[in-house]
Amino acid sequence: IFTAKDLLLRDRLVLQDLLDVTSMTVQQVLLKVSESVAPQPVAVTQIQQRFLPTQLQDLDKALNGGLPSGVVTEVVGCSGLG
């Protein structure tokens, strides 16, 4: 097991046998690893930005900073474009 993904994708019984620990310990380890790698949820009301950057510099520039927050935006293009 080299990454958090490796650990989280393993069956709990396999981990229990592999690590030679109790099922409760496996559950605690999985919870700690999950908490450390998962992004913290953010309520929409907490987002103060007017625009949400796409991380694509040229697109963000064309959109004056990114996609507008608080609205539904549909991005479309030619078939096979992306």
Protein backbone atom coordinates (compact mmCIF):
# COMPACT_ATOMS: atom_id res chain seq x y z
CA ILE A 1 0.00 0.00 0.00
CA PHE A 2 1.67 3.18 -1.23
CA THR A 3 -1.10 5.78 -1.42
CA ALA A 4 -4.31 6.73 0.34
CA LYS A 5 -6.15 5.52 -2.76
CA ASP A 6 -4.47 2.10 -2.42
CA LEU A 7 -5.67 1.90 1.17
CA LEU A 8 -9.19 3.18 0.58
CA LEU A 9 -9.83 0.80 -2.31
CA ARG A 10 -8.86 -2.30 -0.33
CA ASP A 11 -11.46 -4.57 1.23
CA ARG A 12 -11.67 -4.15 5.02
CA LEU A 13 -11.09 -7.83 5.70
CA VAL A 14 -8.01 -7.81 3.47
CA LEU A 15 -6.68 -4.77 5.35
CA GLN A 16 -7.38 -6.43 8.69
CA ASP A 17 -5.39 -9.49 7.63
CA LEU A 18 -2.64 -7.50 5.88
CA LEU A 19 -2.10 -5.10 8.78
CA ASP A 20 -2.77 -7.72 11.48
CA VAL A 21 -5.16 -5.45 13.39
CA THR A 22 -8.76 -5.58 14.58
CA SER A 23 -11.71 -4.53 12.42
CA MET A 24 -12.21 -1.52 14.71
CA THR A 25 -8.62 -0.39 14.06
CA VAL A 26 -9.11 -0.77 10.31
CA GLN A 27 -12.27 1.34 10.54
CA GLN A 28 -10.44 4.04 12.54
CA VAL A 29 -7.53 4.10 10.07
CA LEU A 30 -9.87 4.37 7.09
CA LEU A 31 -11.77 7.21 8.76
CA LYS A 32 -8.58 9.16 9.55
CA VAL A 33 -7.19 8.69 6.04
CA SER A 34 -10.53 9.67 4.47
CA GLU A 35 -10.72 12.81 6.61
CA SER A 36 -7.17 13.81 5.68
CA VAL A 37 -7.56 13.46 1.91
CA ALA A 38 -11.18 14.50 1.34
CA PRO A 39 -11.89 18.17 0.67
CA GLN A 40 -13.95 19.93 3.29
CA PRO A 41 -17.51 20.61 2.12
CA VAL A 42 -18.37 24.27 1.58
CA ALA A 43 -21.91 25.65 1.51
CA VAL A 44 -22.76 27.76 -1.51
CA THR A 45 -23.63 30.61 0.84
CA GLN A 46 -20.01 30.63 2.04
CA ILE A 47 -18.61 31.29 -1.43
CA GLN A 48 -17.83 34.98 -1.60
CA GLN A 49 -16.36 35.02 -5.09
CA ARG A 50 -18.29 36.55 -7.96
CA PHE A 51 -16.51 34.17 -10.32
CA LEU A 52 -15.30 30.62 -9.94
CA PRO A 53 -11.97 30.17 -11.78
CA THR A 54 -11.76 27.24 -14.18
CA GLN A 55 -7.97 27.02 -13.74
CA LEU A 56 -7.67 27.42 -17.53
CA GLN A 57 -5.94 30.79 -17.84
CA ASP A 58 -7.18 31.69 -21.33
CA LEU A 59 -10.76 30.64 -20.55
CA ASP A 60 -10.78 32.54 -17.25
CA LYS A 61 -9.50 35.62 -19.07
CA ALA A 62 -12.22 35.32 -21.72
CA LEU A 63 -14.84 34.92 -18.97
CA ASN A 64 -13.52 37.92 -16.98
CA GLY A 65 -12.32 35.77 -14.11
CA GLY A 66 -14.14 32.48 -14.50
CA LEU A 67 -17.66 31.12 -14.40
CA PRO A 68 -20.17 33.35 -12.59
CA SER A 69 -21.12 31.99 -9.17
CA GLY A 70 -24.70 31.58 -8.05
CA VAL A 71 -26.06 30.67 -11.49
CA VAL A 72 -26.23 27.61 -13.71
CA THR A 73 -23.76 27.78 -16.59
CA GLU A 74 -23.69 25.43 -19.56
CA VAL A 75 -20.44 25.22 -21.52
CA VAL A 76 -20.79 23.86 -25.05
CA GLY A 77 -18.51 23.46 -28.03
CA CYS A 78 -18.00 21.65 -31.29
CA SER A 79 -18.22 17.87 -31.30
CA GLY A 80 -14.90 16.29 -30.35
CA LEU A 81 -13.51 19.54 -28.93
CA GLY A 82 -12.89 18.27 -25.44
